[in-house]
C-alpha atoms as a PDB file:
ATOM      1  CA  MET A   1     100.684 108.500  77.971  1.00  0.00           C
ATOM      2  CA  ARG A   2      97.986 109.896  75.769  1.00  0.00           C
ATOM      3  CA  ARG A   3      97.634 113.479  76.961  1.00  0.00           C
ATOM      4  CA  PRO A   4     100.111 115.006  79.428  1.00  0.00           C
ATOM      5  CA  VAL A   5      98.783 117.700  81.711  1.00  0.00           C
ATOM      6  CA  THR A   6     100.216 119.816  84.503  1.00  0.00           C
ATOM      7  CA  LEU A   7      99.314 119.419  88.175  1.00  0.00           C
ATOM      8  CA  GLY A   8      97.101 122.485  87.966  1.00  0.00           C
ATOM      9  CA  ALA A   9      95.247 121.053  84.999  1.00  0.00           C
ATOM     10  CA  LEU A  10      94.854 117.695  86.723  1.00  0.00           C
ATOM     11  CA  ALA A  11      93.433 119.295  89.857  1.00  0.00           C
ATOM     12  CA  LEU A  12      91.109 121.406  87.732  1.00  0.00           C
ATOM     13  CA  ALA A  13      89.999 118.339  85.783  1.00  0.00           C
ATOM     14  CA  ALA A  14      89.172 116.537  89.013  1.00  0.00           C
ATOM     15  CA  ALA A  15      87.251 119.535  90.280  1.00  0.00           C
ATOM     16  CA  LEU A  16      85.233 119.787  87.058  1.00  0.00           C
ATOM     17  CA  LEU A  17      84.769 115.990  86.790  1.00  0.00           C
ATOM     18  CA  ILE A  18      86.536 115.921  83.424  1.00  0.00           C
ATOM     19  CA  PRO A  19      88.566 112.787  82.566  1.00  0.00           C
ATOM     20  CA  ALA A  20      92.295 113.474  82.723  1.00  0.00           C
ATOM     21  CA  TYR A  21      95.570 111.632  82.498  1.00  0.00           C
ATOM     22  CA  ALA A  22      98.296 111.568  85.095  1.00  0.00           C
ATOM     23  CA  THR A  23     101.593 113.321  84.785  1.00  0.00           C
ATOM     24  CA  PRO A  24     105.024 112.076  85.855  1.00  0.00           C
ATOM     25  CA  ALA A  25     105.806 112.467  89.564  1.00  0.00           C
ATOM     26  CA  MET A  26     104.942 115.926  90.800  1.00  0.00           C
ATOM     27  CA  ALA A  27     107.717 118.102  92.129  1.00  0.00           C
ATOM     28  CA  GLN A  28     106.235 118.692  95.566  1.00  0.00           C
ATOM     29  CA  LEU A  29     105.926 114.999  96.387  1.00  0.00           C
ATOM     30  CA  ALA A  30     108.637 113.500  98.554  1.00  0.00           C
ATOM     31  CA  PRO A  31     110.552 110.673  96.847  1.00  0.00           C
ATOM     32  CA  THR A  32     108.577 107.455  97.154  1.00  0.00           C
ATOM     33  CA  PRO A  33     110.172 104.248  98.401  1.00  0.00           C
ATOM     34  CA  THR A  34     110.990 101.387  96.062  1.00  0.00           C
ATOM     35  CA  PRO A  35     107.744  99.625  95.101  1.00  0.00           C
ATOM     36  CA  SER A  36     107.050  96.719  97.410  1.00  0.00           C
ATOM     37  CA  PRO A  37     107.374  93.237  95.918  1.00  0.00           C
ATOM     38  CA  SER A  38     103.944  92.534  97.379  1.00  0.00           C
ATOM     39  CA  VAL A  39     102.368  94.645  94.626  1.00  0.00           C
ATOM     40  CA  ASN A  40     102.329  92.204  91.725  1.00  0.00           C
ATOM     41  CA  ALA A  41     102.918  93.349  88.173  1.00  0.00           C
ATOM     42  CA  ALA A  42     105.364  95.952  89.457  1.00  0.00           C
ATOM     43  CA  PRO A  43     105.148  99.190  87.476  1.00  0.00           C
ATOM     44  CA  PRO A  44     107.855 100.345  85.088  1.00  0.00           C
ATOM     45  CA  PRO A  45     110.240 103.061  86.348  1.00  0.00           C
ATOM     46  CA  ASP A  46     108.042 105.800  84.913  1.00  0.00           C
ATOM     47  CA  ALA A  47     104.768 104.170  85.992  1.00  0.00           C
ATOM     48  CA  LEU A  48     102.825 107.410  86.161  1.00  0.00           C
ATOM     49  CA  ALA A  49     103.513 108.119  82.507  1.00  0.00           C
ATOM     50  CA  SER A  50     101.174 105.246  81.599  1.00  0.00           C
ATOM     51  CA  THR A  51      98.679 105.698  84.424  1.00  0.00           C
ATOM     52  CA  ILE A  52      95.172 106.635  83.328  1.00  0.00           C
ATOM     53  CA  VAL A  53      93.125 108.929  85.562  1.00  0.00           C
ATOM     54  CA  GLN A  54      89.424 109.243  84.847  1.00  0.00           C
ATOM     55  CA  THR A  55      86.362 110.227  86.845  1.00  0.00           C
ATOM     56  CA  PHE A  56      83.357 107.932  87.117  1.00  0.00           C
ATOM     57  CA  SER A  57      79.999 108.140  88.820  1.00  0.00           C
ATOM     58  CA  TYR A  58      78.862 105.336  91.113  1.00  0.00           C
ATOM     59  CA  GLY A  59      75.470 106.945  91.825  1.00  0.00           C
ATOM     60  CA  LYS A  60      73.130 109.665  90.664  1.00  0.00           C
ATOM     61  CA  HIS A  61      74.049 112.376  93.179  1.00  0.00           C
ATOM     62  CA  ARG A  62      76.637 114.930  92.048  1.00  0.00           C
ATOM     63  CA  ARG A  63      78.908 113.926  94.955  1.00  0.00           C
ATOM     64  CA  GLN A  64      78.853 110.218  94.073  1.00  0.00           C
ATOM     65  CA  ARG A  65      82.000 110.392  91.973  1.00  0.00           C
ATOM     66  CA  MET A  66      85.411 108.747  92.107  1.00  0.00           C
ATOM     67  CA  ASP A  67      88.706 109.389  90.343  1.00  0.00           C
ATOM     68  CA  VAL A  68      90.253 106.097  89.277  1.00  0.00           C
ATOM     69  CA  TRP A  69      94.007 105.778  88.721  1.00  0.00           C
ATOM     70  CA  TRP A  70      94.990 102.576  86.943  1.00  0.00           C
ATOM     71  CA  GLN A  71      97.441 100.899  84.598  1.00  0.00           C
ATOM     72  CA  PRO A  72      95.662  99.578  81.463  1.00  0.00           C
ATOM     73  CA  ASP A  73      97.753  96.397  81.343  1.00  0.00           C
ATOM     74  CA  GLY A  74      95.197  93.822  82.454  1.00  0.00           C
ATOM     75  CA  ALA A  75      97.164  92.915  85.593  1.00  0.00           C
ATOM     76  CA  ARG A  76      95.399  92.232  88.889  1.00  0.00           C
ATOM     77  CA  ARG A  77      96.787  94.879  91.207  1.00  0.00           C
ATOM     78  CA  PRO A  78      95.813  95.589  94.812  1.00  0.00           C
ATOM     79  CA  ALA A  79      93.835  98.777  95.332  1.00  0.00           C
ATOM     80  CA  VAL A  80      93.570 101.685  97.743  1.00  0.00           C
ATOM     81  CA  PHE A  81      90.265 103.497  98.308  1.00  0.00           C
ATOM     82  CA  LEU A  82      90.725 107.043  99.638  1.00  0.00           C
ATOM     83  CA  LEU A  83      88.223 109.078 101.668  1.00  0.00           C
ATOM     84  CA  HIS A  84      88.922 112.785 102.215  1.00  0.00           C
ATOM     85  CA  GLY A  85      88.250 114.681 105.428  1.00  0.00           C
ATOM     86  CA  GLY A  86      86.391 117.934 106.036  1.00  0.00           C
ATOM     87  CA  TRP A  87      84.129 117.681 109.114  1.00  0.00           C
ATOM     88  CA  TRP A  88      81.714 115.487 107.095  1.00  0.00           C
ATOM     89  CA  SER A  89      80.378 118.765 105.678  1.00  0.00           C
ATOM     90  CA  GLY A  90      83.175 119.823 103.315  1.00  0.00           C
ATOM     91  CA  GLY A  91      86.322 118.703 101.577  1.00  0.00           C
ATOM     92  CA  ASP A  92      86.796 117.143  98.174  1.00  0.00           C
ATOM     93  CA  LYS A  93      88.655 114.270  96.530  1.00  0.00           C
ATOM     94  CA  ARG A  94      90.930 116.717  94.748  1.00  0.00           C
ATOM     95  CA  TYR A  95      92.718 117.248  98.078  1.00  0.00           C
ATOM     96  CA  MET A  96      93.765 113.578  97.900  1.00  0.00           C
ATOM     97  CA  THR A  97      95.474 113.971  94.504  1.00  0.00           C
ATOM     98  CA  ALA A  98      99.012 113.771  95.889  1.00  0.00           C
ATOM     99  CA  VAL A  99      98.192 110.710  98.002  1.00  0.00           C
ATOM    100  CA  SER A 100      96.499 109.098  95.000  1.00  0.00           C
ATOM    101  CA  GLU A 101      99.569 109.725  92.872  1.00  0.00           C
ATOM    102  CA  SER A 102     101.911 108.269  95.486  1.00  0.00           C
ATOM    103  CA  TYR A 103     100.020 104.964  95.566  1.00  0.00           C
ATOM    104  CA  ALA A 104      99.643 104.843  91.794  1.00  0.00           C
ATOM    105  CA  ALA A 105     103.428 105.262  91.561  1.00  0.00           C
ATOM    106  CA  LEU A 106     103.800 102.222  93.823  1.00  0.00           C
ATOM    107  CA  GLY A 107     101.723 100.104  91.456  1.00  0.00           C
ATOM    108  CA  TYR A 108      98.298 100.203  93.089  1.00  0.00           C
ATOM    109  CA  THR A 109      94.984 100.928  91.454  1.00  0.00           C
ATOM    110  CA  VAL A 110      93.573 103.937  93.315  1.00  0.00           C
ATOM    111  CA  PHE A 111      89.941 104.917  93.826  1.00  0.00           C
ATOM    112  CA  ASN A 112      89.717 108.467  95.193  1.00  0.00           C
ATOM    113  CA  LEU A 113      86.148 109.080  96.368  1.00  0.00           C
ATOM    114  CA  ASN A 114      83.764 111.911  96.870  1.00  0.00           C
ATOM    115  CA  TYR A 115      80.701 111.073  98.960  1.00  0.00           C
ATOM    116  CA  ARG A 116      77.562 112.867 100.061  1.00  0.00           C
ATOM    117  CA  LEU A 117      78.256 115.410 102.788  1.00  0.00           C
ATOM    118  CA  SER A 118      76.188 115.966 105.913  1.00  0.00           C
ATOM    119  CA  THR A 119      74.636 118.966 104.136  1.00  0.00           C
ATOM    120  CA  ASP A 120      73.384 116.565 101.444  1.00  0.00           C
ATOM    121  CA  ALA A 121      72.211 113.662 103.610  1.00  0.00           C
ATOM    122  CA  ALA A 122      72.509 112.468 107.191  1.00  0.00           C
ATOM    123  CA  TRP A 123      74.302 109.343 108.345  1.00  0.00           C
ATOM    124  CA  PRO A 124      74.558 106.567 107.158  1.00  0.00           C
ATOM    125  CA  ALA A 125      74.590 108.059 103.632  1.00  0.00           C
ATOM    126  CA  GLN A 126      78.372 108.558 103.817  1.00  0.00           C
ATOM    127  CA  ARG A 127      79.057 104.928 104.710  1.00  0.00           C
ATOM    128  CA  THR A 128      76.535 103.785 102.098  1.00  0.00           C
ATOM    129  CA  ASP A 129      78.366 105.795  99.430  1.00  0.00           C
ATOM    130  CA  ALA A 130      81.719 104.248 100.339  1.00  0.00           C
ATOM    131  CA  LEU A 131      80.194 100.757 100.243  1.00  0.00           C
ATOM    132  CA  ASP A 132      78.549 101.471  96.884  1.00  0.00           C
ATOM    133  CA  ALA A 133      81.800 102.795  95.406  1.00  0.00           C
ATOM    134  CA  ILE A 134      83.661  99.681  96.579  1.00  0.00           C
ATOM    135  CA  ALA A 135      80.976  97.377  95.205  1.00  0.00           C
ATOM    136  CA  THR A 136      81.014  99.207  91.873  1.00  0.00           C
ATOM    137  CA  ALA A 137      84.811  99.063  91.632  1.00  0.00           C
ATOM    138  CA  ARG A 138      84.860  95.343  92.445  1.00  0.00           C
ATOM    139  CA  ARG A 139      82.251  94.658  89.788  1.00  0.00           C
ATOM    140  CA  HIS A 140      84.437  96.403  87.198  1.00  0.00           C
ATOM    141  CA  ALA A 141      87.735  95.075  88.552  1.00  0.00           C
ATOM    142  CA  GLU A 142      88.945  93.764  85.201  1.00  0.00           C
ATOM    143  CA  ARG A 143      88.554  97.161  83.566  1.00  0.00           C
ATOM    144  CA  PHE A 144      90.704  98.799  86.241  1.00  0.00           C
ATOM    145  CA  SER A 145      93.436  96.116  86.442  1.00  0.00           C
ATOM    146  CA  PHE A 146      92.299  95.516  90.007  1.00  0.00           C
ATOM    147  CA  ASP A 147      92.260  92.410  92.189  1.00  0.00           C
ATOM    148  CA  PRO A 148      88.874  92.644  93.964  1.00  0.00           C
ATOM    149  CA  ASN A 149      90.153  90.404  96.763  1.00  0.00           C
ATOM    150  CA  ARG A 150      93.041  92.712  97.723  1.00  0.00           C
ATOM    151  CA  TYR A 151      92.206  96.255  98.710  1.00  0.00           C
ATOM    152  CA  VAL A 152      92.447  98.641 101.653  1.00  0.00           C
ATOM    153  CA  VAL A 153      90.353 101.663 102.618  1.00  0.00           C
ATOM    154  CA  MET A 154      92.117 104.787 103.898  1.00  0.00           C
ATOM    155  CA  GLY A 155      90.389 107.804 105.381  1.00  0.00           C
ATOM    156  CA  PHE A 156      91.503 111.153 106.783  1.00  0.00           C
ATOM    157  CA  SER A 157      89.762 112.719 109.810  1.00  0.00           C
ATOM    158  CA  ALA A 158      86.006 112.513 109.065  1.00  0.00           C
ATOM    159  CA  GLY A 159      86.968 110.249 106.174  1.00  0.00           C
ATOM    160  CA  GLY A 160      88.727 108.082 108.749  1.00  0.00           C
ATOM    161  CA  HIS A 161      85.422 107.716 110.572  1.00  0.00           C
ATOM    162  CA  ILE A 162      83.786 106.534 107.348  1.00  0.00           C
ATOM    163  CA  ALA A 163      86.681 104.180 106.577  1.00  0.00           C
ATOM    164  CA  THR A 164      86.563 102.512 109.988  1.00  0.00           C
ATOM    165  CA  ALA A 165      82.763 102.324 109.770  1.00  0.00           C
ATOM    166  CA  VAL A 166      83.177 100.475 106.465  1.00  0.00           C
ATOM    167  CA  GLY A 167      85.710  98.180 108.123  1.00  0.00           C
ATOM    168  CA  THR A 168      83.263  97.240 110.878  1.00  0.00           C
ATOM    169  CA  TYR A 169      80.208  96.976 108.619  1.00  0.00           C
ATOM    170  CA  ARG A 170      78.296  93.780 109.385  1.00  0.00           C
ATOM    171  CA  ASP A 171      80.813  90.947 109.647  1.00  0.00           C
ATOM    172  CA  GLY A 172      83.543  91.771 107.151  1.00  0.00           C
ATOM    173  CA  LEU A 173      83.613  92.990 103.546  1.00  0.00           C
ATOM    174  CA  PRO A 174      84.744  90.605 100.771  1.00  0.00           C
ATOM    175  CA  GLY A 175      88.320  91.352  99.728  1.00  0.00           C
ATOM    176  CA  LEU A 176      89.001  94.059 102.318  1.00  0.00           C
ATOM    177  CA  ARG A 177      92.505  93.487 103.697  1.00  0.00           C
ATOM    178  CA  GLY A 178      92.901  96.523 105.937  1.00  0.00           C
ATOM    179  CA  VAL A 179      91.674  99.951 107.018  1.00  0.00           C
ATOM    180  CA  VAL A 180      93.850 103.009 107.647  1.00  0.00           C
ATOM    181  CA  GLY A 181      92.704 106.068 109.564  1.00  0.00           C
ATOM    182  CA  ILE A 182      94.728 109.271 109.700  1.00  0.00           C
ATOM    183  CA  SER A 183      93.369 111.239 112.689  1.00  0.00           C
ATOM    184  CA  PRO A 184      90.148 109.205 112.413  1.00  0.00           C
ATOM    185  CA  VAL A 185      87.096 110.413 114.318  1.00  0.00           C
ATOM    186  CA  VAL A 186      86.348 106.848 115.379  1.00  0.00           C
ATOM    187  CA  SER A 187      83.924 107.864 118.135  1.00  0.00           C
ATOM    188  CA  PRO A 188      81.481 110.700 117.392  1.00  0.00           C
ATOM    189  CA  LEU A 189      80.115 110.267 120.923  1.00  0.00           C
ATOM    190  CA  THR A 190      83.585 111.007 122.284  1.00  0.00           C
ATOM    191  CA  ALA A 191      83.799 114.051 120.011  1.00  0.00           C
ATOM    192  CA  TYR A 192      80.417 115.183 121.305  1.00  0.00           C
ATOM    193  CA  SER A 193      81.574 114.831 124.904  1.00  0.00           C
ATOM    194  CA  ASP A 194      84.968 116.462 124.294  1.00  0.00           C
ATOM    195  CA  GLY A 195      83.269 119.453 122.672  1.00  0.00           C
ATOM    196  CA  ASP A 196      81.350 120.371 125.809  1.00  0.00           C
ATOM    197  CA  GLU A 197      82.223 123.123 128.291  1.00  0.00           C
ATOM    198  CA  GLY A 198      85.910 124.032 128.354  1.00  0.00           C
ATOM    199  CA  ALA A 199      86.596 122.651 124.883  1.00  0.00           C
ATOM    200  CA  THR A 200      88.882 124.189 122.282  1.00  0.00           C
ATOM    201  CA  HIS A 201      87.484 125.810 119.151  1.00  0.00           C
ATOM    202  CA  GLU A 202      88.254 122.694 117.082  1.00  0.00           C
ATOM    203  CA  GLN A 203      86.604 120.402 119.635  1.00  0.00           C
ATOM    204  CA  ARG A 204      83.461 122.548 119.692  1.00  0.00           C
ATOM    205  CA  LYS A 205      83.403 122.571 115.902  1.00  0.00           C
ATOM    206  CA  LEU A 206      83.770 118.790 115.776  1.00  0.00           C
ATOM    207  CA  ARG A 207      80.899 118.392 118.244  1.00  0.00           C
ATOM    208  CA  GLN A 208      78.652 120.497 116.025  1.00  0.00           C
ATOM    209  CA  ALA A 209      79.820 118.593 112.941  1.00  0.00           C
ATOM    210  CA  ALA A 210      78.862 115.287 114.581  1.00  0.00           C
ATOM    211  CA  ILE A 211      75.428 116.674 115.449  1.00  0.00           C
ATOM    212  CA  ALA A 212      74.970 117.736 111.813  1.00  0.00           C
ATOM    213  CA  LEU A 213      76.046 114.280 110.626  1.00  0.00           C
ATOM    214  CA  ALA A 214      73.339 112.753 112.823  1.00  0.00           C
ATOM    215  CA  GLY A 215      70.753 114.903 111.064  1.00  0.00           C
ATOM    216  CA  GLY A 216      70.877 117.772 113.524  1.00  0.00           C
ATOM    217  CA  CYS A 217      70.026 115.821 116.659  1.00  0.00           C
ATOM    218  CA  ARG A 218      71.885 115.074 119.876  1.00  0.00           C
ATOM    219  CA  PRO A 219      72.563 111.546 121.154  1.00  0.00           C
ATOM    220  CA  THR A 220      69.417 111.238 123.255  1.00  0.00           C
ATOM    221  CA  GLY A 221      65.897 109.908 122.847  1.00  0.00           C
ATOM    222  CA  ALA A 222      64.859 109.051 119.323  1.00  0.00           C
ATOM    223  CA  CYS A 223      68.280 110.113 118.008  1.00  0.00           C
ATOM    224  CA  ALA A 224      70.141 107.493 120.041  1.00  0.00           C
ATOM    225  CA  LYS A 225      69.771 104.955 117.232  1.00  0.00           C
ATOM    226  CA  VAL A 226      71.600 107.019 114.609  1.00  0.00           C
ATOM    227  CA  TRP A 227      74.364 107.895 117.081  1.00  0.00           C
ATOM    228  CA  SER A 228      74.717 104.189 117.850  1.00  0.00           C
ATOM    229  CA  SER A 229      75.136 103.517 114.128  1.00  0.00           C
ATOM    230  CA  MET A 230      77.815 106.240 113.928  1.00  0.00           C
ATOM    231  CA  GLU A 231      79.795 104.818 116.866  1.00  0.00           C
ATOM    232  CA  VAL A 232      82.389 102.562 115.201  1.00  0.00           C
ATOM    233  CA  PRO A 233      83.727 100.630 118.241  1.00  0.00           C
ATOM    234  CA  TRP A 234      80.261  99.249 119.008  1.00  0.00           C
ATOM    235  CA  HIS A 235      80.234  97.390 115.678  1.00  0.00           C
ATOM    236  CA  ALA A 236      83.481  95.415 115.891  1.00  0.00           C
ATOM    237  CA  SER A 237      83.128  91.778 114.860  1.00  0.00           C
ATOM    238  CA  ALA A 238      85.365  88.772 114.321  1.00  0.00           C
ATOM    239  CA  HIS A 239      85.708  89.013 110.537  1.00  0.00           C
ATOM    240  CA  ASP A 240      86.520  92.710 110.347  1.00  0.00           C
ATOM    241  CA  ALA A 241      89.703  93.787 108.602  1.00  0.00           C
ATOM    242  CA  PRO A 242      92.761  94.823 110.642  1.00  0.00           C
ATOM    243  CA  VAL A 243      93.186  98.542 111.254  1.00  0.00           C
ATOM    244  CA  MET A 244      96.043 101.011 111.460  1.00  0.00           C
ATOM    245  CA  SER A 245      95.430 104.493 112.823  1.00  0.00           C
ATOM    246  CA  VAL A 246      97.749 107.462 113.286  1.00  0.00           C
ATOM    247  CA  HIS A 247      97.226 110.449 115.596  1.00  0.00           C
ATOM    248  CA  SER A 248      99.355 113.337 116.798  1.00  0.00           C
ATOM    249  CA  ALA A 249      99.947 113.340 120.535  1.00  0.00           C
ATOM    250  CA  ASP A 250      98.268 116.722 121.042  1.00  0.00           C
ATOM    251  CA  GLU A 251      95.761 117.033 118.215  1.00  0.00           C
ATOM    252  CA  PHE A 252      92.046 117.670 118.779  1.00  0.00           C
ATOM    253  CA  VAL A 253      91.110 114.115 117.727  1.00  0.00           C
ATOM    254  CA  PRO A 254      93.184 112.277 120.339  1.00  0.00           C
ATOM    255  CA  ALA A 255      94.418 108.709 120.122  1.00  0.00           C
ATOM    256  CA  TYR A 256      91.869 107.481 122.654  1.00  0.00           C
ATOM    257  CA  HIS A 257      89.327 107.537 119.810  1.00  0.00           C
ATOM    258  CA  SER A 258      91.295 104.726 118.218  1.00  0.00           C
ATOM    259  CA  GLU A 259      92.064 103.026 121.524  1.00  0.00           C
ATOM    260  CA  LEU A 260      88.317 102.520 122.004  1.00  0.00           C
ATOM    261  CA  LEU A 261      88.148 100.674 118.685  1.00  0.00           C
ATOM    262  CA  LYS A 262      91.330  98.727 119.368  1.00  0.00           C
ATOM    263  CA  GLU A 263      89.911  97.389 122.624  1.00  0.00           C
ATOM    264  CA  GLN A 264      86.762  96.134 120.907  1.00  0.00           C
ATOM    265  CA  LEU A 265      88.566  94.678 117.881  1.00  0.00           C
ATOM    266  CA  ASN A 266      91.110  92.907 120.063  1.00  0.00           C
ATOM    267  CA  GLN A 267      88.302  91.318 122.062  1.00  0.00           C
ATOM    268  CA  VAL A 268      87.050  89.596 118.899  1.00  0.00           C
ATOM    269  CA  GLY A 269      90.533  88.679 117.666  1.00  0.00           C
ATOM    270  CA  VAL A 270      91.159  91.467 115.133  1.00  0.00           C
ATOM    271  CA  ALA A 271      94.489  93.315 115.201  1.00  0.00           C
ATOM    272  CA  MET A 272      94.746  97.105 115.367  1.00  0.00           C
ATOM    273  CA  ASN A 273      97.870  99.233 115.384  1.00  0.00           C
ATOM    274  CA  VAL A 274      97.543 102.702 116.936  1.00  0.00           C
ATOM    275  CA  ARG A 275     100.534 104.944 116.210  1.00  0.00           C
ATOM    276  CA  VAL A 276     101.009 108.257 118.033  1.00  0.00           C
ATOM    277  CA  VAL A 277     103.557 110.803 116.824  1.00  0.00           C
ATOM    278  CA  PRO A 278     104.654 114.010 118.564  1.00  0.00           C
ATOM    279  CA  GLY A 279     102.996 117.295 117.695  1.00  0.00           C
ATOM    280  CA  VAL A 280      99.587 118.768 116.992  1.00  0.00           C
ATOM    281  CA  PHE A 281      99.139 118.133 113.264  1.00  0.00           C
ATOM    282  CA  HIS A 282      95.820 116.678 112.147  1.00  0.00           C
ATOM    283  CA  SER A 283      94.787 114.705 109.054  1.00  0.00           C
ATOM    284  CA  SER A 284      96.750 115.506 105.857  1.00  0.00           C
ATOM    285  CA  PRO A 285      99.433 117.627 107.599  1.00  0.00           C
ATOM    286  CA  LEU A 286      99.988 114.699 109.962  1.00  0.00           C
ATOM    287  CA  TYR A 287     100.337 112.326 107.005  1.00  0.00           C
ATOM    288  CA  ARG A 288     103.079 114.575 105.635  1.00  0.00           C
ATOM    289  CA  GLU A 289     105.109 114.361 108.842  1.00  0.00           C
ATOM    290  CA  PRO A 290     108.448 112.491 108.415  1.00  0.00           C
ATOM    291  CA  GLY A 291     108.000 108.733 108.385  1.00  0.00           C
ATOM    292  CA  VAL A 292     104.197 108.647 108.588  1.00  0.00           C
ATOM    293  CA  ALA A 293     103.380 108.041 104.912  1.00  0.00           C
ATOM    294  CA  GLU A 294     106.190 105.492 104.664  1.00  0.00           C
ATOM    295  CA  ALA A 295     104.930 103.584 107.712  1.00  0.00           C
ATOM    296  CA  VAL A 296     101.417 103.515 106.274  1.00  0.00           C
ATOM    297  CA  GLN A 297     102.696 102.346 102.881  1.00  0.00           C
ATOM    298  CA  ASP A 298     104.630  99.509 104.518  1.00  0.00           C
ATOM    299  CA  TRP A 299     101.571  98.446 106.534  1.00  0.00           C
ATOM    300  CA  VAL A 300      99.331  98.505 103.454  1.00  0.00           C
ATOM    301  CA  ALA A 301     101.834  96.499 101.400  1.00  0.00           C
ATOM    302  CA  ALA A 302     102.015  93.834 104.116  1.00  0.00           C
ATOM    303  CA  LYS A 303      98.226  93.549 104.288  1.00  0.00           C
ATOM    304  CA  VAL A 304      97.614  93.151 100.569  1.00  0.00           C
ATOM    305  CA  ALA A 305     100.406  90.559 100.422  1.00  0.00           C
ATOM    306  CA  ALA A 306      99.155  88.512 103.391  1.00  0.00           C
ATOM    307  CA  PRO A 307      96.897  85.461 102.912  1.00  0.00           C
ATOM    308  CA  MET A 308      93.196  86.226 103.137  1.00  0.00           C
ATOM    309  CA  ARG A 309      91.635  85.565 106.521  1.00  0.00           C
ATOM    310  CA  ALA A 310      88.819  83.030 106.690  1.00  0.00           C
ATOM    311  CA  THR A 311      85.468  84.671 105.980  1.00  0.00           C
ATOM    312  CA  PRO A 312      81.988  83.657 107.064  1.00  0.00           C
ATOM    313  CA  GLN A 313      80.343  81.040 104.871  1.00  0.00           C
ATOM    314  CA  LYS A 314      77.436  83.393 104.336  1.00  0.00           C
ATOM    315  CA  GLN A 315      78.408  86.905 103.305  1.00  0.00           C
ATOM    316  CA  THR A 316      75.802  89.492 104.241  1.00  0.00           C
ATOM    317  CA  THR A 317      77.394  92.607 102.755  1.00  0.00           C
ATOM    318  CA  ALA A 318      75.837  92.388  99.284  1.00  0.00           C
ATOM    319  CA  ALA A 319      72.445  93.693 100.343  1.00  0.00           C
ATOM    320  CA  ARG A 320      71.736  95.157  96.902  1.00  0.00           C
ATOM    321  CA  PRO A 321      73.294  95.146  93.436  1.00  0.00           C
ATOM    322  CA  ALA A 322      76.299  97.357  92.882  1.00  0.00           C
ATOM    323  CA  PRO A 323      75.463 100.725  91.318  1.00  0.00           C
ATOM    324  CA  ALA A 324      76.191 101.211  87.642  1.00  0.00           C
ATOM    325  CA  LEU A 325      79.513 102.736  86.610  1.00  0.00           C
ATOM    326  CA  HIS A 326      79.426 105.757  84.299  1.00  0.00           C
ATOM    327  CA  LYS A 327      82.318 107.776  82.967  1.00  0.00           C
ATOM    328  CA  VAL A 328      81.656 111.445  83.619  1.00  0.00           C
ATOM    329  CA  GLN A 329      81.560 113.442  80.419  1.00  0.00           C
ATOM    330  CA  PRO A 330      83.055 116.930  80.063  1.00  0.00           C
ATOM    331  CA  ARG A 331      80.602 119.772  80.586  1.00  0.00           C
END
């Protein structure tokens, strides 16, 4: 490892977009399970000691940045793309540092993304950013010891909405093996309805956040088109990747968001696993509940190890060239 830093320094480096290098396992992380045999080129016992963490741009906007965690050994490892939550209007990739580290420790290449917020641009800018980051990473797969045909996308809350929207984009993304949503807001229309009269504070806030994501308009008239684009279940198709979602039984983004998507995916032959755990925790606190992270890790490992499903003869997802990749320099 070239330059050890503390957790505080690593978080600060991510926040300032300064390249940094990972430390050994951080004290507050729960012990991680034994690396799955499905992750080829299994890491050495102290894998994080040799993991490089650097920040790259995949676009010109200040939010179009991703922290990449990888082993510089030339192996072809599966990858995890992470999308933070924050009502589409806030949040930052630095809040995904612990999750990034846990997957790097298991031998994955990790791409931890920032994306344009609803205050920067309306939908579908957020989905476009995720697609551009994936395309950029796949184009530079050799640099990041990454198998471009074995990756999953994982999103938390609003990030879960973006992740599932990526999973249902057109008729399947090349190399995408699975999508994970932790408290995913799969249905902004449902959030809009739930946030009406009699709603809780969180439900009202989510309703307003969905309106902001749509550019400030409600799902009527000329705005119906953008709301239709935001509504993930309406875009399920036969070559989409399988999905796993996790909700708390009594959180403000209830499991019926995911049940709507499951019904549509199942109709076209795509599997979806909806897991509901007791309690009220949402997003990252839910992920930290006993057994949740481990169940997600097991599901991800099985997906990247499974044979690739047949894909359409004509792929339509490469609508434009992948953005250029630039290492972000210290400022």
